Amino acid sequence: MEKKKINYMKKKLELDEKTWNEQRNANKSRQERSYSRTKERRAARRHYMFMSLVAAQKTPDEIKTLMDLYQTGL
């Protein structure tokens, strides 16, 4: 009887570890996808801002300064 309990607990532990690993991997994948989407959105906004500054006929120095400020979040 005691051996059955031990085997049951080992199997339960293995299943719990497997479930935990699957959840961890799913969360990690979700984070990576979210990070990629965020990175793409930032790049698109940066490009839009650059094109807007060029269209506004800003000088290269002004564009660099404004892009640097945008990059730092000011």
C-alpha atoms as a PDB file:
ATOM      1  CA  MET A   1       0.000   0.000   0.000  1.00  0.00           C
ATOM      2  CA  GLU A   2       2.764   2.436   0.950  1.00  0.00           C
ATOM      3  CA  LYS A   3       4.603   1.731  -2.302  1.00  0.00           C
ATOM      4  CA  LYS A   4       1.472   2.631  -4.285  1.00  0.00           C
ATOM      5  CA  LYS A   5       1.297   5.980  -2.492  1.00  0.00           C
ATOM      6  CA  ILE A   6       4.934   6.680  -3.260  1.00  0.00           C
ATOM      7  CA  ASN A   7       4.464   5.799  -6.926  1.00  0.00           C
ATOM      8  CA  TYR A   8       1.329   7.933  -7.069  1.00  0.00           C
ATOM      9  CA  MET A   9       3.160  10.893  -5.531  1.00  0.00           C
ATOM     10  CA  LYS A  10       6.087  10.486  -7.945  1.00  0.00           C
ATOM     11  CA  LYS A  11       3.721  10.421 -10.925  1.00  0.00           C
ATOM     12  CA  LYS A  12       1.859  13.446  -9.575  1.00  0.00           C
ATOM     13  CA  LEU A  13       5.122  15.329  -9.098  1.00  0.00           C
ATOM     14  CA  GLU A  14       6.228  14.480 -12.651  1.00  0.00           C
ATOM     15  CA  LEU A  15       2.897  15.648 -14.029  1.00  0.00           C
ATOM     16  CA  ASP A  16       3.047  18.871 -11.995  1.00  0.00           C
ATOM     17  CA  GLU A  17       6.581  19.562 -13.230  1.00  0.00           C
ATOM     18  CA  LYS A  18       5.546  18.900 -16.827  1.00  0.00           C
ATOM     19  CA  THR A  19       2.529  21.201 -16.492  1.00  0.00           C
ATOM     20  CA  TRP A  20       4.641  23.909 -14.873  1.00  0.00           C
ATOM     21  CA  ASN A  21       7.266  23.691 -17.647  1.00  0.00           C
ATOM     22  CA  GLU A  22       4.582  23.903 -20.336  1.00  0.00           C
ATOM     23  CA  GLN A  23       3.049  26.959 -18.697  1.00  0.00           C
ATOM     24  CA  ARG A  24       6.455  28.592 -18.306  1.00  0.00           C
ATOM     25  CA  ASN A  25       7.294  27.967 -21.960  1.00  0.00           C
ATOM     26  CA  ALA A  26       3.909  29.313 -23.074  1.00  0.00           C
ATOM     27  CA  ASN A  27       4.414  32.463 -20.988  1.00  0.00           C
ATOM     28  CA  LYS A  28       7.914  32.913 -22.363  1.00  0.00           C
ATOM     29  CA  SER A  29       6.637  32.602 -25.943  1.00  0.00           C
ATOM     30  CA  ARG A  30       3.844  35.083 -25.219  1.00  0.00           C
ATOM     31  CA  GLN A  31       6.355  37.566 -23.787  1.00  0.00           C
ATOM     32  CA  GLU A  32       8.623  37.205 -26.812  1.00  0.00           C
ATOM     33  CA  ARG A  33       5.730  37.810 -29.212  1.00  0.00           C
ATOM     34  CA  SER A  34       4.620  40.832 -27.213  1.00  0.00           C
ATOM     35  CA  TYR A  35       8.166  42.216 -27.192  1.00  0.00           C
ATOM     36  CA  SER A  36       8.455  41.741 -30.963  1.00  0.00           C
ATOM     37  CA  ARG A  37       5.155  43.530 -31.601  1.00  0.00           C
ATOM     38  CA  THR A  38       6.174  46.392 -29.319  1.00  0.00           C
ATOM     39  CA  LYS A  39       9.517  46.679 -31.079  1.00  0.00           C
ATOM     40  CA  GLU A  40       7.789  46.778 -34.484  1.00  0.00           C
ATOM     41  CA  ARG A  41       5.363  49.486 -33.330  1.00  0.00           C
ATOM     42  CA  ARG A  42       8.216  51.605 -31.988  1.00  0.00           C
ATOM     43  CA  ALA A  43      10.120  51.268 -35.246  1.00  0.00           C
ATOM     44  CA  ALA A  44       7.028  52.304 -37.219  1.00  0.00           C
ATOM     45  CA  ARG A  45       6.472  55.347 -34.981  1.00  0.00           C
ATOM     46  CA  ARG A  46      10.136  56.311 -35.257  1.00  0.00           C
ATOM     47  CA  HIS A  47       9.957  56.058 -39.047  1.00  0.00           C
ATOM     48  CA  TYR A  48       6.744  58.108 -39.152  1.00  0.00           C
ATOM     49  CA  MET A  49       8.320  60.781 -36.977  1.00  0.00           C
ATOM     50  CA  PHE A  50      11.433  60.873 -39.156  1.00  0.00           C
ATOM     51  CA  MET A  51       9.371  61.222 -42.327  1.00  0.00           C
ATOM     52  CA  SER A  52       7.279  63.966 -40.706  1.00  0.00           C
ATOM     53  CA  LEU A  53      10.417  65.896 -39.796  1.00  0.00           C
ATOM     54  CA  VAL A  54      11.778  65.530 -43.333  1.00  0.00           C
ATOM     55  CA  ALA A  55       8.429  66.700 -44.755  1.00  0.00           C
ATOM     56  CA  ALA A  56       8.569  69.694 -42.403  1.00  0.00           C
ATOM     57  CA  GLN A  57      11.963  70.524 -43.959  1.00  0.00           C
ATOM     58  CA  LYS A  58      13.883  70.293 -40.700  1.00  0.00           C
ATOM     59  CA  THR A  59      17.667  70.374 -40.944  1.00  0.00           C
ATOM     60  CA  PRO A  60      19.637  67.167 -40.384  1.00  0.00           C
ATOM     61  CA  ASP A  61      20.862  68.530 -37.037  1.00  0.00           C
ATOM     62  CA  GLU A  62      17.305  69.320 -35.932  1.00  0.00           C
ATOM     63  CA  ILE A  63      16.148  65.879 -37.041  1.00  0.00           C
ATOM     64  CA  LYS A  64      18.962  64.194 -35.117  1.00  0.00           C
ATOM     65  CA  THR A  65      18.240  66.229 -31.983  1.00  0.00           C
ATOM     66  CA  LEU A  66      14.497  65.572 -32.130  1.00  0.00           C
ATOM     67  CA  MET A  67      14.988  61.862 -32.860  1.00  0.00           C
ATOM     68  CA  ASP A  68      17.395  61.598 -29.913  1.00  0.00           C
ATOM     69  CA  LEU A  69      14.842  63.305 -27.661  1.00  0.00           C
ATOM     70  CA  TYR A  70      12.123  60.980 -28.936  1.00  0.00           C
ATOM     71  CA  GLN A  71      14.350  57.960 -28.311  1.00  0.00           C
ATOM     72  CA  THR A  72      14.926  58.982 -24.676  1.00  0.00           C
ATOM     73  CA  GLY A  73      11.226  59.545 -24.144  1.00  0.00           C
ATOM     74  CA  LEU A  74      11.236  63.297 -23.635  1.00  0.00           C
END
